[in-house]
């Protein structure tokens, strides 16, 4: 479902808050369209969604992307690969040595000329 919504929004520039677009995505992934329409027309999951929103807002998340690691560490915003490597190393208790020609973070990456 997530991929169908991404495709609709980023690939087809559709408004994913539009009910018809949502139902197209539901149909595309083979979910029950009638049940999905009932959910969209009701407040069936509103309390659960609002509670989740409040939980993450209280944790300091106000935008996307936001990453919560082990339920404790928040990394906000899109970050460069090197920033991720440093933060993950710090969180794991490791230290990164001086820059190396091919670190683990570079694995699988093609050298640039």
PDB file of N, CA and C in Angstrom:
ATOM      1  N   UNK A   1       0.830  -1.185   0.000  1.00  0.00           N
ATOM      2  CA  UNK A   1       0.000   0.000   0.000  1.00  0.00           C
ATOM      3  C   UNK A   1       0.880   1.255   0.000  1.00  0.00           C
ATOM      4  N   UNK A   2       1.919   1.194   0.831  1.00  0.00           N
ATOM      5  CA  UNK A   2       2.816   2.348   0.885  1.00  0.00           C
ATOM      6  C   UNK A   2       3.399   2.642  -0.492  1.00  0.00           C
ATOM      7  N   UNK A   3       3.829   1.596  -1.201  1.00  0.00           N
ATOM      8  CA  UNK A   3       4.414   1.794  -2.527  1.00  0.00           C
ATOM      9  C   UNK A   3       3.372   2.351  -3.499  1.00  0.00           C
ATOM     10  N   UNK A   4       2.147   1.878  -3.410  1.00  0.00           N
ATOM     11  CA  UNK A   4       1.086   2.390  -4.280  1.00  0.00           C
ATOM     12  C   UNK A   4       0.836   3.875  -4.028  1.00  0.00           C
ATOM     13  N   UNK A   5       0.883   4.285  -2.761  1.00  0.00           N
ATOM     14  CA  UNK A   5       0.700   5.697  -2.435  1.00  0.00           C
ATOM     15  C   UNK A   5       1.893   6.533  -2.893  1.00  0.00           C
ATOM     16  N   UNK A   6       3.096   5.999  -2.733  1.00  0.00           N
ATOM     17  CA  UNK A   6       4.287   6.698  -3.224  1.00  0.00           C
ATOM     18  C   UNK A   6       4.213   6.877  -4.737  1.00  0.00           C
ATOM     19  N   UNK A   7       3.836   5.804  -5.431  1.00  0.00           N
ATOM     20  CA  UNK A   7       3.724   5.871  -6.894  1.00  0.00           C
ATOM     21  C   UNK A   7       2.689   6.910  -7.321  1.00  0.00           C
ATOM     22  N   UNK A   8       1.551   6.912  -6.636  1.00  0.00           N
ATOM     23  CA  UNK A   8       0.495   7.874  -6.975  1.00  0.00           C
ATOM     24  C   UNK A   8       0.975   9.308  -6.758  1.00  0.00           C
ATOM     25  N   UNK A   9       1.626   9.546  -5.633  1.00  0.00           N
ATOM     26  CA  UNK A   9       2.039  10.910  -5.289  1.00  0.00           C
ATOM     27  C   UNK A   9       3.257  11.358  -6.086  1.00  0.00           C
ATOM     28  N   UNK A  10       4.335  10.580  -6.009  1.00  0.00           N
ATOM     29  CA  UNK A  10       5.586  10.997  -6.636  1.00  0.00           C
ATOM     30  C   UNK A  10       5.646  10.668  -8.128  1.00  0.00           C
ATOM     31  N   UNK A  11       5.028   9.562  -8.525  1.00  0.00           N
ATOM     32  CA  UNK A  11       5.101   9.152  -9.923  1.00  0.00           C
ATOM     33  C   UNK A  11       4.029   9.738 -10.807  1.00  0.00           C
ATOM     34  N   UNK A  12       2.847   9.963 -10.227  1.00  0.00           N
ATOM     35  CA  UNK A  12       1.723  10.428 -11.034  1.00  0.00           C
ATOM     36  C   UNK A  12       1.177  11.779 -10.576  1.00  0.00           C
ATOM     37  N   UNK A  13       1.812  12.378  -9.599  1.00  0.00           N
ATOM     38  CA  UNK A  13       1.414  13.695  -9.065  1.00  0.00           C
ATOM     39  C   UNK A  13      -0.059  13.743  -8.664  1.00  0.00           C
ATOM     40  N   UNK A  14      -0.531  12.642  -8.083  1.00  0.00           N
ATOM     41  CA  UNK A  14      -1.927  12.601  -7.626  1.00  0.00           C
ATOM     42  C   UNK A  14      -2.013  13.065  -6.175  1.00  0.00           C
ATOM     43  N   UNK A  15      -3.187  13.548  -5.818  1.00  0.00           N
ATOM     44  CA  UNK A  15      -3.459  14.009  -4.467  1.00  0.00           C
ATOM     45  C   UNK A  15      -3.859  12.809  -3.610  1.00  0.00           C
ATOM     46  N   UNK A  16      -2.935  12.310  -2.783  1.00  0.00           N
ATOM     47  CA  UNK A  16      -3.213  11.104  -2.007  1.00  0.00           C
ATOM     48  C   UNK A  16      -4.136  11.345  -0.813  1.00  0.00           C
ATOM     49  N   UNK A  17      -4.603  12.569  -0.635  1.00  0.00           N
ATOM     50  CA  UNK A  17      -5.634  12.798   0.373  1.00  0.00           C
ATOM     51  C   UNK A  17      -7.033  12.726  -0.250  1.00  0.00           C
ATOM     52  N   UNK A  18      -7.082  12.574  -1.558  1.00  0.00           N
ATOM     53  CA  UNK A  18      -8.354  12.432  -2.274  1.00  0.00           C
ATOM     54  C   UNK A  18      -8.865  10.996  -2.115  1.00  0.00           C
ATOM     55  N   UNK A  19     -10.109  10.872  -1.729  1.00  0.00           N
ATOM     56  CA  UNK A  19     -10.704   9.560  -1.474  1.00  0.00           C
ATOM     57  C   UNK A  19     -10.600   8.633  -2.681  1.00  0.00           C
ATOM     58  N   UNK A  20     -10.876   9.133  -3.877  1.00  0.00           N
ATOM     59  CA  UNK A  20     -10.817   8.287  -5.074  1.00  0.00           C
ATOM     60  C   UNK A  20      -9.406   7.780  -5.342  1.00  0.00           C
ATOM     61  N   UNK A  21      -8.415   8.612  -5.096  1.00  0.00           N
ATOM     62  CA  UNK A  21      -7.014   8.200  -5.274  1.00  0.00           C
ATOM     63  C   UNK A  21      -6.666   7.116  -4.259  1.00  0.00           C
ATOM     64  N   UNK A  22      -7.109   7.298  -3.026  1.00  0.00           N
ATOM     65  CA  UNK A  22      -6.869   6.287  -2.001  1.00  0.00           C
ATOM     66  C   UNK A  22      -7.511   4.951  -2.369  1.00  0.00           C
ATOM     67  N   UNK A  23      -8.734   5.021  -2.858  1.00  0.00           N
ATOM     68  CA  UNK A  23      -9.429   3.788  -3.239  1.00  0.00           C
ATOM     69  C   UNK A  23      -8.779   3.118  -4.454  1.00  0.00           C
ATOM     70  N   UNK A  24      -8.228   3.907  -5.373  1.00  0.00           N
ATOM     71  CA  UNK A  24      -7.465   3.337  -6.493  1.00  0.00           C
ATOM     72  C   UNK A  24      -6.262   2.557  -5.965  1.00  0.00           C
ATOM     73  N   UNK A  25      -5.583   3.125  -4.995  1.00  0.00           N
ATOM     74  CA  UNK A  25      -4.419   2.465  -4.410  1.00  0.00           C
ATOM     75  C   UNK A  25      -4.830   1.183  -3.690  1.00  0.00           C
ATOM     76  N   UNK A  26      -5.925   1.241  -2.971  1.00  0.00           N
ATOM     77  CA  UNK A  26      -6.451   0.058  -2.286  1.00  0.00           C
ATOM     78  C   UNK A  26      -6.721  -1.049  -3.297  1.00  0.00           C
ATOM     79  N   UNK A  27      -7.384  -0.702  -4.371  1.00  0.00           N
ATOM     80  CA  UNK A  27      -7.704  -1.673  -5.424  1.00  0.00           C
ATOM     81  C   UNK A  27      -6.426  -2.219  -6.065  1.00  0.00           C
ATOM     82  N   UNK A  28      -5.458  -1.354  -6.315  1.00  0.00           N
ATOM     83  CA  UNK A  28      -4.220  -1.760  -6.987  1.00  0.00           C
ATOM     84  C   UNK A  28      -3.445  -2.816  -6.200  1.00  0.00           C
ATOM     85  N   UNK A  29      -3.549  -2.774  -4.876  1.00  0.00           N
ATOM     86  CA  UNK A  29      -2.810  -3.753  -4.070  1.00  0.00           C
ATOM     87  C   UNK A  29      -3.676  -4.923  -3.623  1.00  0.00           C
ATOM     88  N   UNK A  30      -4.921  -4.946  -4.076  1.00  0.00           N
ATOM     89  CA  UNK A  30      -5.781  -6.094  -3.808  1.00  0.00           C
ATOM     90  C   UNK A  30      -6.456  -6.109  -2.445  1.00  0.00           C
ATOM     91  N   UNK A  31      -6.587  -4.953  -1.815  1.00  0.00           N
ATOM     92  CA  UNK A  31      -7.296  -4.897  -0.542  1.00  0.00           C
ATOM     93  C   UNK A  31      -8.790  -4.747  -0.779  1.00  0.00           C
ATOM     94  N   UNK A  32      -9.561  -4.949   0.256  1.00  0.00           N
ATOM     95  CA  UNK A  32     -11.020  -4.875   0.176  1.00  0.00           C
ATOM     96  C   UNK A  32     -11.451  -3.410   0.038  1.00  0.00           C
ATOM     97  N   UNK A  33     -11.865  -3.027  -1.160  1.00  0.00           N
ATOM     98  CA  UNK A  33     -12.235  -1.638  -1.444  1.00  0.00           C
ATOM     99  C   UNK A  33     -13.472  -1.201  -0.660  1.00  0.00           C
ATOM    100  N   UNK A  34     -14.426  -2.105  -0.477  1.00  0.00           N
ATOM    101  CA  UNK A  34     -15.640  -1.754   0.260  1.00  0.00           C
ATOM    102  C   UNK A  34     -15.317  -1.442   1.721  1.00  0.00           C
ATOM    103  N   UNK A  35     -14.467  -2.251   2.326  1.00  0.00           N
ATOM    104  CA  UNK A  35     -14.082  -1.998   3.713  1.00  0.00           C
ATOM    105  C   UNK A  35     -13.260  -0.712   3.818  1.00  0.00           C
ATOM    106  N   UNK A  36     -12.371  -0.502   2.859  1.00  0.00           N
ATOM    107  CA  UNK A  36     -11.564   0.719   2.857  1.00  0.00           C
ATOM    108  C   UNK A  36     -12.461   1.945   2.757  1.00  0.00           C
ATOM    109  N   UNK A  37     -13.473   1.874   1.926  1.00  0.00           N
ATOM    110  CA  UNK A  37     -14.389   3.008   1.788  1.00  0.00           C
ATOM    111  C   UNK A  37     -15.149   3.261   3.082  1.00  0.00           C
ATOM    112  N   UNK A  38     -15.555   2.185   3.765  1.00  0.00           N
ATOM    113  CA  UNK A  38     -16.222   2.342   5.060  1.00  0.00           C
ATOM    114  C   UNK A  38     -15.311   3.033   6.076  1.00  0.00           C
ATOM    115  N   UNK A  39     -14.043   2.646   6.084  1.00  0.00           N
ATOM    116  CA  UNK A  39     -13.080   3.257   7.003  1.00  0.00           C
ATOM    117  C   UNK A  39     -12.908   4.739   6.677  1.00  0.00           C
ATOM    118  N   UNK A  40     -12.767   5.052   5.390  1.00  0.00           N
ATOM    119  CA  UNK A  40     -12.584   6.443   4.979  1.00  0.00           C
ATOM    120  C   UNK A  40     -13.802   7.303   5.304  1.00  0.00           C
ATOM    121  N   UNK A  41     -14.981   6.708   5.298  1.00  0.00           N
ATOM    122  CA  UNK A  41     -16.217   7.448   5.568  1.00  0.00           C
ATOM    123  C   UNK A  41     -16.563   7.504   7.051  1.00  0.00           C
ATOM    124  N   UNK A  42     -15.708   6.956   7.891  1.00  0.00           N
ATOM    125  CA  UNK A  42     -16.011   6.910   9.327  1.00  0.00           C
ATOM    126  C   UNK A  42     -14.839   7.465  10.144  1.00  0.00           C
ATOM    127  N   UNK A  43     -15.040   7.434  11.444  1.00  0.00           N
ATOM    128  CA  UNK A  43     -13.970   7.808  12.374  1.00  0.00           C
ATOM    129  C   UNK A  43     -13.421   6.563  13.071  1.00  0.00           C
ATOM    130  N   UNK A  44     -13.540   5.435  12.399  1.00  0.00           N
ATOM    131  CA  UNK A  44     -13.215   4.136  13.001  1.00  0.00           C
ATOM    132  C   UNK A  44     -11.828   4.083  13.651  1.00  0.00           C
ATOM    133  N   UNK A  45     -10.826   4.650  13.034  1.00  0.00           N
ATOM    134  CA  UNK A  45      -9.465   4.594  13.569  1.00  0.00           C
ATOM    135  C   UNK A  45      -8.952   5.969  14.018  1.00  0.00           C
ATOM    136  N   UNK A  46      -9.838   6.945  14.092  1.00  0.00           N
ATOM    137  CA  UNK A  46      -9.423   8.313  14.404  1.00  0.00           C
ATOM    138  C   UNK A  46      -8.711   8.413  15.747  1.00  0.00           C
ATOM    139  N   UNK A  47      -9.228   7.771  16.785  1.00  0.00           N
ATOM    140  CA  UNK A  47      -8.607   7.868  18.107  1.00  0.00           C
ATOM    141  C   UNK A  47      -7.205   7.264  18.110  1.00  0.00           C
ATOM    142  N   UNK A  48      -7.033   6.151  17.424  1.00  0.00           N
ATOM    143  CA  UNK A  48      -5.719   5.491  17.353  1.00  0.00           C
ATOM    144  C   UNK A  48      -4.728   6.379  16.610  1.00  0.00           C
ATOM    145  N   UNK A  49      -5.167   6.956  15.497  1.00  0.00           N
ATOM    146  CA  UNK A  49      -4.294   7.823  14.701  1.00  0.00           C
ATOM    147  C   UNK A  49      -3.914   9.066  15.493  1.00  0.00           C
ATOM    148  N   UNK A  50      -4.875   9.694  16.151  1.00  0.00           N
ATOM    149  CA  UNK A  50      -4.597  10.903  16.936  1.00  0.00           C
ATOM    150  C   UNK A  50      -3.639  10.603  18.088  1.00  0.00           C
ATOM    151  N   UNK A  51      -3.796   9.441  18.721  1.00  0.00           N
ATOM    152  CA  UNK A  51      -2.894   9.055  19.813  1.00  0.00           C
ATOM    153  C   UNK A  51      -1.469   8.865  19.284  1.00  0.00           C
ATOM    154  N   UNK A  52      -1.324   8.236  18.117  1.00  0.00           N
ATOM    155  CA  UNK A  52       0.003   8.076  17.516  1.00  0.00           C
ATOM    156  C   UNK A  52       0.616   9.427  17.162  1.00  0.00           C
ATOM    157  N   UNK A  53      -0.196  10.306  16.578  1.00  0.00           N
ATOM    158  CA  UNK A  53       0.297  11.652  16.247  1.00  0.00           C
ATOM    159  C   UNK A  53       0.807  12.369  17.500  1.00  0.00           C
ATOM    160  N   UNK A  54       0.038  12.315  18.558  1.00  0.00           N
ATOM    161  CA  UNK A  54       0.423  12.995  19.800  1.00  0.00           C
ATOM    162  C   UNK A  54       1.705  12.394  20.370  1.00  0.00           C
ATOM    163  N   UNK A  55       1.806  11.094  20.337  1.00  0.00           N
ATOM    164  CA  UNK A  55       3.006  10.403  20.846  1.00  0.00           C
ATOM    165  C   UNK A  55       4.258  10.893  20.129  1.00  0.00           C
ATOM    166  N   UNK A  56       4.214  10.928  18.805  1.00  0.00           N
ATOM    167  CA  UNK A  56       5.406  11.317  18.040  1.00  0.00           C
ATOM    168  C   UNK A  56       5.669  12.820  18.118  1.00  0.00           C
ATOM    169  N   UNK A  57       4.625  13.621  18.224  1.00  0.00           N
ATOM    170  CA  UNK A  57       4.833  15.062  18.415  1.00  0.00           C
ATOM    171  C   UNK A  57       5.498  15.334  19.758  1.00  0.00           C
ATOM    172  N   UNK A  58       5.077  14.619  20.789  1.00  0.00           N
ATOM    173  CA  UNK A  58       5.701  14.780  22.109  1.00  0.00           C
ATOM    174  C   UNK A  58       7.154  14.312  22.092  1.00  0.00           C
ATOM    175  N   UNK A  59       7.485  13.398  21.185  1.00  0.00           N
ATOM    176  CA  UNK A  59       8.864  12.912  21.054  1.00  0.00           C
ATOM    177  C   UNK A  59       9.733  13.900  20.283  1.00  0.00           C
ATOM    178  N   UNK A  60       9.115  14.956  19.747  1.00  0.00           N
ATOM    179  CA  UNK A  60       9.885  15.980  19.053  1.00  0.00           C
ATOM    180  C   UNK A  60       9.802  15.927  17.547  1.00  0.00           C
ATOM    181  N   UNK A  61       8.970  15.052  17.019  1.00  0.00           N
ATOM    182  CA  UNK A  61       8.848  14.948  15.563  1.00  0.00           C
ATOM    183  C   UNK A  61       7.794  15.921  15.074  1.00  0.00           C
ATOM    184  N   UNK A  62       8.216  16.796  14.155  1.00  0.00           N
ATOM    185  CA  UNK A  62       7.272  17.759  13.596  1.00  0.00           C
ATOM    186  C   UNK A  62       7.334  17.785  12.075  1.00  0.00           C
ATOM    187  N   UNK A  63       8.190  16.963  11.494  1.00  0.00           N
ATOM    188  CA  UNK A  63       8.311  16.921  10.038  1.00  0.00           C
ATOM    189  C   UNK A  63       8.870  15.568   9.610  1.00  0.00           C
ATOM    190  N   UNK A  64       8.883  15.346   8.325  1.00  0.00           N
ATOM    191  CA  UNK A  64       9.451  14.119   7.776  1.00  0.00           C
ATOM    192  C   UNK A  64      10.564  14.474   6.808  1.00  0.00           C
ATOM    193  N   UNK A  65      11.532  13.610   6.631  1.00  0.00           N
ATOM    194  CA  UNK A  65      11.623  12.328   7.318  1.00  0.00           C
ATOM    195  C   UNK A  65      12.128  12.498   8.748  1.00  0.00           C
ATOM    196  N   UNK A  66      11.744  11.566   9.576  1.00  0.00           N
ATOM    197  CA  UNK A  66      12.232  11.502  10.954  1.00  0.00           C
ATOM    198  C   UNK A  66      12.437  10.026  11.269  1.00  0.00           C
ATOM    199  N   UNK A  67      13.545   9.714  11.890  1.00  0.00           N
ATOM    200  CA  UNK A  67      13.898   8.335  12.177  1.00  0.00           C
ATOM    201  C   UNK A  67      14.079   8.173  13.677  1.00  0.00           C
ATOM    202  N   UNK A  68      13.411   7.176  14.245  1.00  0.00           N
ATOM    203  CA  UNK A  68      13.561   6.867  15.658  1.00  0.00           C
ATOM    204  C   UNK A  68      14.266   5.527  15.738  1.00  0.00           C
ATOM    205  N   UNK A  69      15.420   5.532  16.408  1.00  0.00           N
ATOM    206  CA  UNK A  69      16.232   4.328  16.503  1.00  0.00           C
ATOM    207  C   UNK A  69      16.111   3.761  17.905  1.00  0.00           C
ATOM    208  N   UNK A  70      15.759   2.488  17.973  1.00  0.00           N
ATOM    209  CA  UNK A  70      15.585   1.785  19.254  1.00  0.00           C
ATOM    210  C   UNK A  70      14.607   2.490  20.182  1.00  0.00           C
ATOM    211  N   UNK A  71      13.672   3.221  19.608  1.00  0.00           N
ATOM    212  CA  UNK A  71      12.671   3.903  20.416  1.00  0.00           C
ATOM    213  C   UNK A  71      13.222   5.025  21.271  1.00  0.00           C
ATOM    214  N   UNK A  72      14.497   5.392  21.071  1.00  0.00           N
ATOM    215  CA  UNK A  72      15.132   6.373  21.955  1.00  0.00           C
ATOM    216  C   UNK A  72      15.789   7.537  21.235  1.00  0.00           C
ATOM    217  N   UNK A  73      16.305   7.311  20.056  1.00  0.00           N
ATOM    218  CA  UNK A  73      17.113   8.324  19.391  1.00  0.00           C
ATOM    219  C   UNK A  73      16.397   8.854  18.156  1.00  0.00           C
ATOM    220  N   UNK A  74      16.296  10.154  18.063  1.00  0.00           N
ATOM    221  CA  UNK A  74      15.611  10.801  16.951  1.00  0.00           C
ATOM    222  C   UNK A  74      16.628  11.455  16.026  1.00  0.00           C
ATOM    223  N   UNK A  75      16.512  11.129  14.745  1.00  0.00           N
ATOM    224  CA  UNK A  75      17.301  11.806  13.719  1.00  0.00           C
ATOM    225  C   UNK A  75      16.294  12.445  12.778  1.00  0.00           C
ATOM    226  N   UNK A  76      16.297  13.768  12.730  1.00  0.00           N
ATOM    227  CA  UNK A  76      15.324  14.499  11.914  1.00  0.00           C
ATOM    228  C   UNK A  76      15.939  14.937  10.599  1.00  0.00           C
ATOM    229  N   UNK A  77      15.119  14.913   9.583  1.00  0.00           N
ATOM    230  CA  UNK A  77      15.533  15.436   8.282  1.00  0.00           C
ATOM    231  C   UNK A  77      16.358  14.462   7.473  1.00  0.00           C
ATOM    232  N   UNK A  78      16.443  14.756   6.191  1.00  0.00           N
ATOM    233  CA  UNK A  78      17.268  13.949   5.296  1.00  0.00           C
ATOM    234  C   UNK A  78      18.729  14.239   5.614  1.00  0.00           C
ATOM    235  N   UNK A  79      19.520  13.203   5.717  1.00  0.00           N
ATOM    236  CA  UNK A  79      20.919  13.350   6.086  1.00  0.00           C
ATOM    237  C   UNK A  79      21.811  12.701   5.035  1.00  0.00           C
ATOM    238  N   UNK A  80      22.991  13.230   4.885  1.00  0.00           N
ATOM    239  CA  UNK A  80      23.989  12.633   4.000  1.00  0.00           C
ATOM    240  C   UNK A  80      24.442  11.296   4.572  1.00  0.00           C
ATOM    241  N   UNK A  81      24.907  10.439   3.706  1.00  0.00           N
ATOM    242  CA  UNK A  81      25.370   9.109   4.093  1.00  0.00           C
ATOM    243  C   UNK A  81      26.444   9.171   5.183  1.00  0.00           C
ATOM    244  N   UNK A  82      27.365  10.106   5.064  1.00  0.00           N
ATOM    245  CA  UNK A  82      28.441  10.200   6.055  1.00  0.00           C
ATOM    246  C   UNK A  82      27.898  10.587   7.431  1.00  0.00           C
ATOM    247  N   UNK A  83      26.872  11.418   7.459  1.00  0.00           N
ATOM    248  CA  UNK A  83      26.244  11.792   8.735  1.00  0.00           C
ATOM    249  C   UNK A  83      25.607  10.567   9.364  1.00  0.00           C
ATOM    250  N   UNK A  84      24.907   9.767   8.552  1.00  0.00           N
ATOM    251  CA  UNK A  84      24.294   8.533   9.060  1.00  0.00           C
ATOM    252  C   UNK A  84      25.349   7.595   9.627  1.00  0.00           C
ATOM    253  N   UNK A  85      26.451   7.453   8.919  1.00  0.00           N
ATOM    254  CA  UNK A  85      27.517   6.563   9.400  1.00  0.00           C
ATOM    255  C   UNK A  85      28.040   7.029  10.754  1.00  0.00           C
ATOM    256  N   UNK A  86      28.284   8.321  10.887  1.00  0.00           N
ATOM    257  CA  UNK A  86      28.781   8.860  12.158  1.00  0.00           C
ATOM    258  C   UNK A  86      27.774   8.670  13.286  1.00  0.00           C
ATOM    259  N   UNK A  87      26.526   8.966  12.998  1.00  0.00           N
ATOM    260  CA  UNK A  87      25.501   8.855  14.046  1.00  0.00           C
ATOM    261  C   UNK A  87      25.285   7.404  14.463  1.00  0.00           C
ATOM    262  N   UNK A  88      25.266   6.514  13.493  1.00  0.00           N
ATOM    263  CA  UNK A  88      25.092   5.090  13.824  1.00  0.00           C
ATOM    264  C   UNK A  88      26.284   4.579  14.616  1.00  0.00           C
ATOM    265  N   UNK A  89      27.481   4.999  14.237  1.00  0.00           N
ATOM    266  CA  UNK A  89      28.681   4.598  14.981  1.00  0.00           C
ATOM    267  C   UNK A  89      28.605   5.124  16.414  1.00  0.00           C
ATOM    268  N   UNK A  90      28.201   6.376  16.576  1.00  0.00           N
ATOM    269  CA  UNK A  90      28.089   6.965  17.909  1.00  0.00           C
ATOM    270  C   UNK A  90      27.052   6.215  18.740  1.00  0.00           C
ATOM    271  N   UNK A  91      25.911   5.899  18.139  1.00  0.00           N
ATOM    272  CA  UNK A  91      24.861   5.198  18.871  1.00  0.00           C
ATOM    273  C   UNK A  91      25.262   3.782  19.254  1.00  0.00           C
ATOM    274  N   UNK A  92      26.110   3.170  18.438  1.00  0.00           N
ATOM    275  CA  UNK A  92      26.533   1.803  18.736  1.00  0.00           C
ATOM    276  C   UNK A  92      27.711   1.776  19.698  1.00  0.00           C
ATOM    277  N   UNK A  93      28.234   2.953  20.047  1.00  0.00           N
ATOM    278  CA  UNK A  93      29.350   3.022  20.970  1.00  0.00           C
ATOM    279  C   UNK A  93      30.704   2.876  20.301  1.00  0.00           C
ATOM    280  N   UNK A  94      30.715   2.786  18.994  1.00  0.00           N
ATOM    281  CA  UNK A  94      31.975   2.680  18.260  1.00  0.00           C
ATOM    282  C   UNK A  94      32.470   4.065  17.899  1.00  0.00           C
ATOM    283  N   UNK A  95      33.717   4.147  17.597  1.00  0.00           N
ATOM    284  CA  UNK A  95      34.258   5.389  17.080  1.00  0.00           C
ATOM    285  C   UNK A  95      34.768   5.133  15.678  1.00  0.00           C
ATOM    286  N   UNK A  96      34.611   6.096  14.835  1.00  0.00           N
ATOM    287  CA  UNK A  96      35.122   5.973  13.475  1.00  0.00           C
ATOM    288  C   UNK A  96      36.537   6.494  13.439  1.00  0.00           C
ATOM    289  N   UNK A  97      37.394   5.768  12.767  1.00  0.00           N
ATOM    290  CA  UNK A  97      38.778   6.207  12.606  1.00  0.00           C
ATOM    291  C   UNK A  97      38.863   7.290  11.555  1.00  0.00           C
ATOM    292  N   UNK A  98      40.043   7.788  11.352  1.00  0.00           N
ATOM    293  CA  UNK A  98      40.280   8.800  10.317  1.00  0.00           C
ATOM    294  C   UNK A  98      39.727   8.296   8.997  1.00  0.00           C
ATOM    295  N   UNK A  99      39.353   9.188   8.097  1.00  0.00           N
ATOM    296  CA  UNK A  99      38.787   8.771   6.819  1.00  0.00           C
ATOM    297  C   UNK A  99      39.655   7.732   6.121  1.00  0.00           C
ATOM    298  N   UNK A 100      38.986   6.733   5.590  1.00  0.00           N
ATOM    299  CA  UNK A 100      39.661   5.656   4.877  1.00  0.00           C
ATOM    300  C   UNK A 100      39.171   5.649   3.439  1.00  0.00           C
ATOM    301  N   UNK A 101      39.970   5.138   2.527  1.00  0.00           N
ATOM    302  CA  UNK A 101      39.547   5.142   1.128  1.00  0.00           C
ATOM    303  C   UNK A 101      38.232   4.405   0.904  1.00  0.00           C
ATOM    304  N   UNK A 102      38.031   3.264   1.564  1.00  0.00           N
ATOM    305  CA  UNK A 102      36.802   2.491   1.396  1.00  0.00           C
ATOM    306  C   UNK A 102      36.318   2.034   2.758  1.00  0.00           C
ATOM    307  N   UNK A 103      35.449   2.803   3.396  1.00  0.00           N
ATOM    308  CA  UNK A 103      34.896   2.397   4.679  1.00  0.00           C
ATOM    309  C   UNK A 103      33.681   1.516   4.445  1.00  0.00           C
ATOM    310  N   UNK A 104      33.162   0.957   5.494  1.00  0.00           N
ATOM    311  CA  UNK A 104      31.962   0.124   5.379  1.00  0.00           C
ATOM    312  C   UNK A 104      30.810   0.920   4.788  1.00  0.00           C
ATOM    313  N   UNK A 105      30.788   2.190   5.066  1.00  0.00           N
ATOM    314  CA  UNK A 105      29.707   3.035   4.554  1.00  0.00           C
ATOM    315  C   UNK A 105      29.799   3.181   3.025  1.00  0.00           C
ATOM    316  N   UNK A 106      30.983   2.938   2.474  1.00  0.00           N
ATOM    317  CA  UNK A 106      31.171   3.044   1.033  1.00  0.00           C
ATOM    318  C   UNK A 106      30.962   1.719   0.309  1.00  0.00           C
ATOM    319  N   UNK A 107      30.708   0.654   1.065  1.00  0.00           N
ATOM    320  CA  UNK A 107      30.578  -0.670   0.454  1.00  0.00           C
ATOM    321  C   UNK A 107      29.500  -0.650  -0.613  1.00  0.00           C
ATOM    322  N   UNK A 108      29.836  -1.181  -1.759  1.00  0.00           N
ATOM    323  CA  UNK A 108      28.877  -1.259  -2.856  1.00  0.00           C
ATOM    324  C   UNK A 108      28.769   0.015  -3.664  1.00  0.00           C
ATOM    325  N   UNK A 109      29.434   1.047  -3.242  1.00  0.00           N
ATOM    326  CA  UNK A 109      29.372   2.330  -3.964  1.00  0.00           C
ATOM    327  C   UNK A 109      30.478   2.370  -4.992  1.00  0.00           C
ATOM    328  N   UNK A 110      30.168   2.809  -6.169  1.00  0.00           N
ATOM    329  CA  UNK A 110      31.163   2.918  -7.230  1.00  0.00           C
ATOM    330  C   UNK A 110      32.073   4.102  -7.003  1.00  0.00           C
ATOM    331  N   UNK A 111      33.357   3.917  -7.234  1.00  0.00           N
ATOM    332  CA  UNK A 111      34.267   5.065  -7.108  1.00  0.00           C
ATOM    333  C   UNK A 111      33.936   6.113  -8.153  1.00  0.00           C
ATOM    334  N   UNK A 112      34.128   7.358  -7.793  1.00  0.00           N
ATOM    335  CA  UNK A 112      33.901   8.448  -8.755  1.00  0.00           C
ATOM    336  C   UNK A 112      35.231   8.906  -9.308  1.00  0.00           C
ATOM    337  N   UNK A 113      35.213   9.347 -10.548  1.00  0.00           N
ATOM    338  CA  UNK A 113      36.457   9.789 -11.191  1.00  0.00           C
ATOM    339  C   UNK A 113      36.730  11.222 -10.890  1.00  0.00           C
TER     340      UNK A 113
END
